[in-house]
Amino acid sequence: MTDNTHQNAGSRKPVRKAALQELAKFERKENEFRRKDRAERAADLRLPLDQIQVH
């Protein structure tokens, strides 16, 4: 059974790499969405977003 596990490990690498790339892509989109949303809410509330340090 361990031999079969080691054989499948090699075929999982491309799948894992693709999944990590998709996750990174999603995180970039999510961060951009949050940045835009924060700016829109600040504009609605007339907050000086440039002066506020957002972590």
C-alpha atoms as a PDB file:
ATOM      1  CA  MET A   1       0.000   0.000   0.000  1.00  0.00           C
ATOM      2  CA  THR A   2       2.848   2.410   0.695  1.00  0.00           C
ATOM      3  CA  ASP A   3       4.211   1.829  -2.819  1.00  0.00           C
ATOM      4  CA  ASN A   4       0.919   2.963  -4.294  1.00  0.00           C
ATOM      5  CA  THR A   5       0.960   6.065  -2.085  1.00  0.00           C
ATOM      6  CA  HIS A   6       4.400   7.057  -3.314  1.00  0.00           C
ATOM      7  CA  GLN A   7       3.390   6.568  -6.943  1.00  0.00           C
ATOM      8  CA  ASN A   8       0.362   8.832  -6.522  1.00  0.00           C
ATOM      9  CA  ALA A   9       2.401  11.542  -4.801  1.00  0.00           C
ATOM     10  CA  GLY A  10       4.082  12.473  -8.064  1.00  0.00           C
ATOM     11  CA  SER A  11       0.789  12.871  -9.891  1.00  0.00           C
ATOM     12  CA  ARG A  12      -0.554  15.138  -7.135  1.00  0.00           C
ATOM     13  CA  LYS A  13       2.105  17.811  -7.574  1.00  0.00           C
ATOM     14  CA  PRO A  14       0.568  19.425 -10.679  1.00  0.00           C
ATOM     15  CA  VAL A  15      -2.857  19.383  -9.044  1.00  0.00           C
ATOM     16  CA  ARG A  16      -1.458  20.943  -5.869  1.00  0.00           C
ATOM     17  CA  LYS A  17       0.393  23.583  -7.881  1.00  0.00           C
ATOM     18  CA  ALA A  18      -2.763  24.453  -9.817  1.00  0.00           C
ATOM     19  CA  ALA A  19      -4.780  24.654  -6.594  1.00  0.00           C
ATOM     20  CA  LEU A  20      -2.213  26.979  -5.013  1.00  0.00           C
ATOM     21  CA  GLN A  21      -2.248  29.186  -8.109  1.00  0.00           C
ATOM     22  CA  GLU A  22      -6.039  29.388  -8.010  1.00  0.00           C
ATOM     23  CA  LEU A  23      -5.930  30.230  -4.308  1.00  0.00           C
ATOM     24  CA  ALA A  24      -3.404  33.010  -4.922  1.00  0.00           C
ATOM     25  CA  LYS A  25      -5.577  34.357  -7.752  1.00  0.00           C
ATOM     26  CA  PHE A  26      -8.640  34.312  -5.495  1.00  0.00           C
ATOM     27  CA  GLU A  27      -6.745  36.075  -2.692  1.00  0.00           C
ATOM     28  CA  ARG A  28      -5.610  38.839  -5.057  1.00  0.00           C
ATOM     29  CA  LYS A  29      -9.182  39.369  -6.264  1.00  0.00           C
ATOM     30  CA  GLU A  30     -10.498  39.326  -2.691  1.00  0.00           C
ATOM     31  CA  ASN A  31      -7.898  41.881  -1.557  1.00  0.00           C
ATOM     32  CA  GLU A  32      -8.731  44.159  -4.489  1.00  0.00           C
ATOM     33  CA  PHE A  33     -12.456  43.853  -3.726  1.00  0.00           C
ATOM     34  CA  ARG A  34     -11.884  44.734  -0.071  1.00  0.00           C
ATOM     35  CA  ARG A  35      -9.707  47.697  -1.023  1.00  0.00           C
ATOM     36  CA  LYS A  36     -12.406  49.056  -3.366  1.00  0.00           C
ATOM     37  CA  ASP A  37     -15.175  48.370  -0.870  1.00  0.00           C
ATOM     38  CA  ARG A  38     -13.270  50.164   1.891  1.00  0.00           C
ATOM     39  CA  ALA A  39     -12.699  53.172  -0.372  1.00  0.00           C
ATOM     40  CA  GLU A  40     -16.376  53.278  -1.374  1.00  0.00           C
ATOM     41  CA  ARG A  41     -17.557  53.104   2.235  1.00  0.00           C
ATOM     42  CA  ALA A  42     -15.082  55.815   3.223  1.00  0.00           C
ATOM     43  CA  ALA A  43     -16.364  58.012   0.410  1.00  0.00           C
ATOM     44  CA  ASP A  44     -19.963  57.435   1.517  1.00  0.00           C
ATOM     45  CA  LEU A  45     -19.052  58.389   5.078  1.00  0.00           C
ATOM     46  CA  ARG A  46     -16.752  61.173   3.862  1.00  0.00           C
ATOM     47  CA  LEU A  47     -13.805  59.786   5.765  1.00  0.00           C
ATOM     48  CA  PRO A  48     -10.258  60.827   4.874  1.00  0.00           C
ATOM     49  CA  LEU A  49      -9.033  57.321   4.013  1.00  0.00           C
ATOM     50  CA  ASP A  50      -5.536  58.551   3.110  1.00  0.00           C
ATOM     51  CA  GLN A  51      -4.972  59.771   6.640  1.00  0.00           C
ATOM     52  CA  ILE A  52      -6.205  56.575   8.305  1.00  0.00           C
ATOM     53  CA  GLN A  53      -3.611  53.841   8.657  1.00  0.00           C
ATOM     54  CA  VAL A  54      -5.298  50.607   7.596  1.00  0.00           C
ATOM     55  CA  HIS A  55      -3.362  47.454   8.455  1.00  0.00           C
END
